[in-house]
N, C-alpha and C. Protein backbone atom coordinates (compact mmCIF):
# COMPACT_ATOMS: atom_id res chain seq x y z
N MET A 1 15.48 4.33 20.31
CA MET A 1 14.30 4.23 21.52
C MET A 1 12.93 3.84 20.07
N GLU A 2 12.08 3.19 20.20
CA GLU A 2 11.34 2.75 20.22
C GLU A 2 9.57 3.35 20.38
N ILE A 3 9.77 3.89 18.94
CA ILE A 3 8.30 4.66 19.18
C ILE A 3 6.84 3.21 18.97
N LYS A 4 6.05 3.52 19.39
CA LYS A 4 4.96 2.86 19.73
C LYS A 4 3.93 4.25 18.92
N PHE A 5 3.23 3.05 18.10
CA PHE A 5 1.51 3.35 17.39
C PHE A 5 1.17 2.43 17.45
N HIS A 6 -0.34 3.11 17.72
CA HIS A 6 -1.55 2.32 18.10
C HIS A 6 -2.43 3.12 16.76
N VAL A 7 -2.90 1.81 16.49
CA VAL A 7 -4.11 2.48 15.25
C VAL A 7 -4.78 0.81 15.36
N PRO A 8 -6.13 1.53 15.23
CA PRO A 8 -7.31 0.75 16.02
C PRO A 8 -8.40 -0.22 14.80
N ARG A 9 -8.33 -1.21 14.66
CA ARG A 9 -8.48 -2.29 13.55
C ARG A 9 -9.35 -1.47 12.86
N SER A 10 -10.21 -0.71 13.58
CA SER A 10 -11.78 0.01 12.62
C SER A 10 -10.73 0.96 11.22
N ILE A 11 -9.66 1.19 11.97
CA ILE A 11 -8.92 2.35 10.53
C ILE A 11 -8.43 1.68 9.85
N LEU A 12 -7.71 0.77 9.89
CA LEU A 12 -6.84 -0.21 9.22
C LEU A 12 -7.92 -0.62 7.94
N VAL A 13 -8.91 -1.36 8.73
CA VAL A 13 -10.41 -1.23 7.69
C VAL A 13 -10.65 -0.18 6.33
N ALA A 14 -11.35 0.83 7.31
CA ALA A 14 -11.35 1.98 6.86
C ALA A 14 -10.78 2.30 5.18
N LEU A 15 -8.65 2.63 5.88
CA LEU A 15 -7.56 2.35 4.95
C LEU A 15 -8.16 1.56 3.77
N ASN A 16 -8.19 0.46 4.55
CA ASN A 16 -7.59 -0.78 3.25
C ASN A 16 -9.25 -0.61 2.22
N GLN A 17 -10.21 0.28 2.80
CA GLN A 17 -11.33 -0.29 1.80
C GLN A 17 -11.36 0.71 0.78
N LEU A 18 -11.15 2.04 1.64
CA LEU A 18 -10.66 3.28 0.92
C LEU A 18 -9.44 2.70 -0.38
N TYR A 19 -8.81 2.05 0.10
CA TYR A 19 -7.53 1.78 -1.36
C TYR A 19 -8.41 0.31 -2.48
N GLU A 20 -9.28 0.12 -2.08
CA GLU A 20 -10.01 -0.73 -2.86
C GLU A 20 -11.03 0.27 -3.89
N MET A 21 -11.50 1.12 -2.91
CA MET A 21 -12.12 1.51 -3.77
C MET A 21 -11.63 2.42 -5.47
N GLU A 22 -10.09 3.24 -4.27
CA GLU A 22 -9.41 3.61 -5.55
C GLU A 22 -9.30 3.29 -6.88
N GLN A 23 -8.85 1.78 -6.07
CA GLN A 23 -8.51 0.65 -7.27
C GLN A 23 -9.86 0.47 -8.23
N LYS A 24 -11.12 0.50 -8.11
CA LYS A 24 -11.94 -0.08 -8.64
C LYS A 24 -12.49 1.02 -9.87
N LEU A 25 -12.21 2.58 -8.62
CA LEU A 25 -12.33 3.59 -9.89
C LEU A 25 -11.94 3.70 -11.32
N LYS A 26 -10.10 3.52 -10.87
CA LYS A 26 -9.61 3.15 -11.80
C LYS A 26 -9.87 2.95 -12.69
N LYS A 27 -10.66 1.69 -12.45
CA LYS A 27 -11.06 0.74 -13.87
C LYS A 27 -11.91 1.03 -14.81
N THR A 28 -12.51 2.21 -14.04
CA THR A 28 -14.32 2.17 -14.69
C THR A 28 -13.89 4.05 -14.88
N GLU A 29 -14.65 4.27 -15.59
CA GLU A 29 -15.01 6.27 -15.26
C GLU A 29 -15.79 6.32 -14.34
N ASP A 30 -15.41 7.67 -14.18
CA ASP A 30 -15.36 8.04 -13.04
C ASP A 30 -16.35 9.18 -13.11
N PRO A 31 -17.66 9.16 -13.28
CA PRO A 31 -18.97 10.05 -14.20
C PRO A 31 -19.40 11.13 -12.47
N ALA A 32 -19.63 10.78 -11.80
CA ALA A 32 -19.77 11.34 -10.28
C ALA A 32 -18.62 11.95 -9.58
N ASN A 33 -17.53 11.66 -10.54
CA ASN A 33 -16.33 12.56 -10.02
C ASN A 33 -15.51 11.92 -8.47
N LEU A 34 -16.08 10.88 -7.77
CA LEU A 34 -15.57 10.20 -6.41
C LEU A 34 -14.24 10.07 -6.81
N GLN A 35 -12.93 10.18 -7.87
CA GLN A 35 -12.27 10.43 -7.10
C GLN A 35 -11.74 11.46 -6.41
N ARG A 36 -12.47 12.35 -6.79
CA ARG A 36 -12.01 13.81 -5.65
C ARG A 36 -12.10 13.54 -4.83
N ASN A 37 -13.59 12.95 -3.89
CA ASN A 37 -13.87 11.92 -2.63
C ASN A 37 -13.05 11.91 -2.26
N VAL A 38 -12.21 10.48 -3.19
CA VAL A 38 -11.15 9.63 -2.42
C VAL A 38 -10.19 10.18 -1.80
N GLY A 39 -9.51 11.70 -2.78
CA GLY A 39 -8.71 12.18 -2.25
C GLY A 39 -8.57 13.23 -1.26
N LYS A 40 -10.04 13.17 -0.98
CA LYS A 40 -9.84 14.25 0.42
C LYS A 40 -10.69 13.31 1.17
N MET A 41 -10.43 12.39 1.31
CA MET A 41 -10.89 11.02 1.90
C MET A 41 -9.06 11.12 2.62
N LYS A 42 -8.45 10.60 1.46
CA LYS A 42 -6.90 10.72 1.65
C LYS A 42 -5.68 11.06 2.86
N ASP A 43 -6.53 12.62 2.18
CA ASP A 43 -5.36 14.39 2.71
C ASP A 43 -6.58 13.79 4.30
N ALA A 44 -7.22 13.30 4.41
CA ALA A 44 -8.53 14.16 6.07
C ALA A 44 -6.94 12.24 6.85
N PHE A 45 -6.65 11.16 6.51
CA PHE A 45 -6.28 10.15 7.22
C PHE A 45 -4.96 10.79 7.31
N GLN A 46 -4.15 11.03 5.54
CA GLN A 46 -2.84 12.05 6.38
C GLN A 46 -2.37 13.05 7.38
N GLU A 47 -3.61 13.98 7.45
CA GLU A 47 -3.53 14.80 8.82
C GLU A 47 -3.63 13.98 10.02
N PHE A 48 -3.62 12.70 10.67
CA PHE A 48 -4.14 12.04 11.71
C PHE A 48 -2.19 11.14 10.84
N GLY A 49 -1.81 11.21 10.30
CA GLY A 49 0.13 10.62 9.79
C GLY A 49 -0.72 9.29 9.64
N LEU A 50 -1.53 9.06 9.11
CA LEU A 50 -1.59 8.29 8.08
C LEU A 50 -1.98 7.96 7.12
N ALA A 51 -1.41 6.89 6.05
CA ALA A 51 -1.46 6.63 5.00
C ALA A 51 -1.28 5.29 4.03
N TYR A 52 -1.91 5.20 2.69
CA TYR A 52 -1.46 3.69 2.26
C TYR A 52 -0.28 4.28 1.00
N GLU A 53 0.38 3.33 0.87
CA GLU A 53 0.98 3.01 -0.37
C GLU A 53 0.68 1.87 -1.34
N ASP A 54 0.50 1.86 -2.94
CA ASP A 54 0.61 0.92 -3.90
C ASP A 54 1.88 0.64 -4.07
N PRO A 55 2.11 -0.67 -4.07
CA PRO A 55 3.34 -1.39 -4.40
C PRO A 55 3.66 -1.80 -6.04
N MET A 56 2.00 -1.39 -6.48
CA MET A 56 2.35 -2.75 -7.87
C MET A 56 3.02 -1.96 -8.46
N GLY A 57 4.18 -3.02 -9.59
CA GLY A 57 4.54 -2.68 -10.75
C GLY A 57 6.27 -2.38 -9.77
N GLN A 58 6.31 -2.20 -8.15
CA GLN A 58 7.77 -2.09 -7.60
C GLN A 58 8.50 -3.73 -7.76
N PRO A 59 9.58 -3.24 -7.61
CA PRO A 59 10.66 -4.39 -7.95
C PRO A 59 10.49 -5.55 -6.56
N PHE A 60 10.52 -6.21 -6.44
CA PHE A 60 10.40 -7.26 -5.01
C PHE A 60 12.08 -8.02 -5.13
N LYS A 61 12.05 -7.99 -3.89
CA LYS A 61 13.32 -8.65 -3.40
C LYS A 61 12.42 -8.82 -2.25
N GLU A 62 13.59 -10.15 -1.59
CA GLU A 62 13.11 -10.81 -0.43
C GLU A 62 13.75 -10.10 1.43
N THR A 63 14.13 -9.48 0.60
CA THR A 63 15.24 -7.92 1.33
C THR A 63 13.69 -7.36 2.37
N ARG A 64 12.68 -7.22 0.90
CA ARG A 64 11.46 -5.95 1.44
C ARG A 64 11.19 -6.82 3.05
N THR A 65 10.88 -5.60 3.76
CA THR A 65 9.88 -6.35 5.43
C THR A 65 9.00 -5.33 4.57
N ASP A 66 8.34 -4.59 4.11
CA ASP A 66 7.29 -3.56 3.74
C ASP A 66 6.61 -4.94 2.85
N LEU A 67 6.94 -5.42 2.89
CA LEU A 67 5.65 -6.49 1.84
C LEU A 67 5.64 -7.72 1.93
N GLU A 68 4.56 -8.23 1.88
CA GLU A 68 4.66 -10.20 2.24
C GLU A 68 4.35 -10.54 0.72
N ALA A 69 5.24 -11.17 0.20
CA ALA A 69 4.58 -11.86 -1.27
C ALA A 69 4.33 -13.68 -1.14
N THR A 70 3.58 -14.00 -2.33
CA THR A 70 3.49 -14.73 -2.50
C THR A 70 3.93 -14.95 -3.86
N ILE A 71 4.76 -15.61 -4.61
CA ILE A 71 5.75 -16.16 -6.09
C ILE A 71 4.76 -16.78 -6.93
N SER A 72 4.78 -16.24 -8.37
CA SER A 72 3.44 -16.90 -8.85
C SER A 72 4.06 -17.14 -10.36
N GLY A 73 3.70 -18.21 -11.07
CA GLY A 73 5.05 -19.29 -11.63
C GLY A 73 6.16 -19.35 -10.89
N GLY A 74 6.98 -19.92 -12.06
CA GLY A 74 8.18 -20.55 -11.87
C GLY A 74 9.43 -19.94 -11.48
N GLY A 75 9.46 -18.72 -11.82
CA GLY A 75 10.90 -17.94 -12.14
C GLY A 75 11.02 -17.12 -10.37
N THR A 76 11.99 -17.25 -10.14
CA THR A 76 12.41 -16.55 -8.86
C THR A 76 13.37 -15.05 -9.21
N GLU A 77 13.51 -14.64 -10.60
CA GLU A 77 14.68 -13.93 -10.43
C GLU A 77 13.69 -12.16 -10.55
N ASN A 78 14.30 -11.17 -10.75
CA ASN A 78 14.29 -9.88 -11.15
C ASN A 78 11.81 -10.31 -11.07
N LEU A 79 11.60 -10.60 -9.50
CA LEU A 79 10.56 -10.52 -9.52
C LEU A 79 9.53 -8.58 -9.29
N ILE A 80 8.60 -9.07 -10.10
CA ILE A 80 7.85 -7.94 -10.00
C ILE A 80 6.97 -7.46 -8.83
N VAL A 81 6.22 -7.13 -8.55
CA VAL A 81 5.09 -6.85 -7.69
C VAL A 81 3.85 -6.77 -9.26
N VAL A 82 2.79 -7.83 -8.94
CA VAL A 82 1.68 -8.08 -9.95
C VAL A 82 -0.19 -7.93 -9.70
N GLU A 83 -0.40 -8.22 -8.44
CA GLU A 83 -1.06 -7.71 -8.03
C GLU A 83 -0.74 -7.17 -6.10
N VAL A 84 -1.58 -6.71 -6.12
CA VAL A 84 -1.75 -6.02 -4.29
C VAL A 84 -2.82 -6.65 -3.93
N ILE A 85 -3.35 -7.42 -2.55
CA ILE A 85 -4.37 -7.74 -2.02
C ILE A 85 -4.07 -6.44 -1.09
N LYS A 86 -3.12 -6.12 -0.33
CA LYS A 86 -3.50 -5.24 0.47
C LYS A 86 -2.24 -3.99 0.49
N PRO A 87 -2.51 -3.23 0.33
CA PRO A 87 -2.00 -2.30 0.77
C PRO A 87 -0.63 -1.99 1.98
N ILE A 88 0.34 -1.42 2.12
CA ILE A 88 1.33 -0.85 2.66
C ILE A 88 1.09 0.23 3.54
N ILE A 89 0.18 0.03 4.77
CA ILE A 89 -0.11 1.25 5.96
C ILE A 89 0.79 1.46 6.39
N ARG A 90 1.81 3.61 6.36
CA ARG A 90 2.09 3.77 7.17
C ARG A 90 1.58 4.80 8.10
N ALA A 91 2.22 4.51 9.68
CA ALA A 91 1.54 5.41 10.28
C ALA A 91 3.39 6.62 10.35
N THR A 92 2.96 7.88 10.41
CA THR A 92 4.04 9.16 10.65
C THR A 92 3.81 9.95 11.34
N LEU A 93 4.84 10.11 12.26
CA LEU A 93 4.96 10.91 13.32
C LEU A 93 6.03 12.42 13.25
N ARG A 94 5.29 13.46 13.47
CA ARG A 94 5.88 14.72 12.89
C ARG A 94 6.22 14.84 14.14
N GLU A 95 7.36 15.79 15.00
CA GLU A 95 8.11 15.12 16.32
C GLU A 95 9.14 16.61 15.87
N GLY A 96 9.21 18.26 16.22
CA GLY A 96 9.69 19.18 15.99
C GLY A 96 10.19 19.45 14.65
N ALA A 97 11.02 19.17 14.73
CA ALA A 97 12.24 19.15 13.02
C ALA A 97 12.30 17.46 12.85
N GLY A 98 11.91 16.47 13.57
CA GLY A 98 12.19 15.74 13.46
C GLY A 98 10.65 14.81 13.07
N GLU A 99 10.79 13.92 11.66
CA GLU A 99 9.42 13.06 11.45
C GLU A 99 10.23 10.56 11.48
N PHE A 100 9.10 10.75 12.22
CA PHE A 100 9.32 9.21 12.36
C PHE A 100 8.22 8.23 11.64
N SER A 101 8.65 7.78 10.81
CA SER A 101 7.69 6.56 9.91
C SER A 101 7.33 5.18 10.69
N LYS A 102 6.80 4.70 10.70
CA LYS A 102 6.73 3.31 10.87
C LYS A 102 5.36 2.39 10.12
N ILE A 103 5.91 1.28 9.90
CA ILE A 103 4.68 0.09 9.04
C ILE A 103 3.48 0.24 10.04
N ILE A 104 2.16 0.17 9.40
CA ILE A 104 1.51 -0.15 10.91
C ILE A 104 0.61 -1.72 9.56
N GLN A 105 0.64 -2.24 8.44
CA GLN A 105 0.53 -3.17 7.88
C GLN A 105 1.89 -3.24 6.55
N GLN A 106 1.83 -4.62 6.75
CA GLN A 106 2.58 -4.89 5.60
C GLN A 106 1.38 -5.09 4.63
N GLY A 107 2.08 -5.21 3.52
CA GLY A 107 1.44 -4.78 2.29
C GLY A 107 1.34 -6.71 1.41
N ILE A 108 0.39 -7.05 0.65
CA ILE A 108 0.32 -8.45 0.49
C ILE A 108 0.07 -8.59 -0.61
N VAL A 109 1.14 -9.22 -1.65
CA VAL A 109 1.50 -9.54 -2.91
C VAL A 109 1.31 -10.78 -3.23
N VAL A 110 1.15 -9.88 -4.55
CA VAL A 110 1.85 -11.28 -5.51
C VAL A 110 3.06 -10.86 -6.48
N VAL A 111 3.62 -11.75 -7.00
CA VAL A 111 4.78 -11.74 -6.96
C VAL A 111 5.10 -12.23 -8.62
N GLU A 112 5.44 -11.84 -9.95
CA GLU A 112 5.79 -13.11 -10.88
C GLU A 112 7.58 -12.75 -11.27
N SER A 113 8.27 -13.31 -12.43
CA SER A 113 9.41 -13.14 -12.31
C SER A 113 9.23 -12.74 -13.67
N ARG A 114 9.66 -10.97 -13.97
CA ARG A 114 9.66 -10.33 -15.17
C ARG A 114 10.34 -10.65 -15.98
N ASN A 115 10.96 -12.06 -16.20
CA ASN A 115 10.35 -12.81 -17.37
C ASN A 115 10.17 -13.51 -17.65
N GLU A 116 9.61 -13.71 -16.85
CA GLU A 116 7.97 -14.64 -17.36
C GLU A 116 6.63 -13.90 -18.47
N THR A 117 7.20 -12.59 -17.60
CA THR A 117 5.77 -11.94 -18.41
C THR A 117 6.27 -11.14 -19.88
N THR A 118 7.40 -11.08 -20.04
CA THR A 118 8.23 -10.52 -21.71
C THR A 118 8.28 -11.71 -21.96
N PRO A 119 7.77 -11.19 -23.20
CA PRO A 119 8.04 -12.71 -24.99
C PRO A 119 8.89 -12.61 -25.29
């Protein structure tokens, strides 16, 4: 059974922007406590069954279907995500006791060999 999800492009844009805001907040002090607001916005999207995942630091294999990767450097062994351009966005449908999840947007990432970054 194929489960169809339709998520308007504007919602995907909003989720991508929310992800970018969260990443920028991690790099700076948060004097206005904006992280709390970002968390509330994420919770609101989750009520609609939408969430993003940050694959930063995760291992990458060519068999992953949730990521589209560009390989940086010369190595192709022991690849790890070193930069996230777009996060993975999933839609989850809860039906009765079951839960179905579908990737709405593949993550777009840069990966490099763990061997290259280790001295």
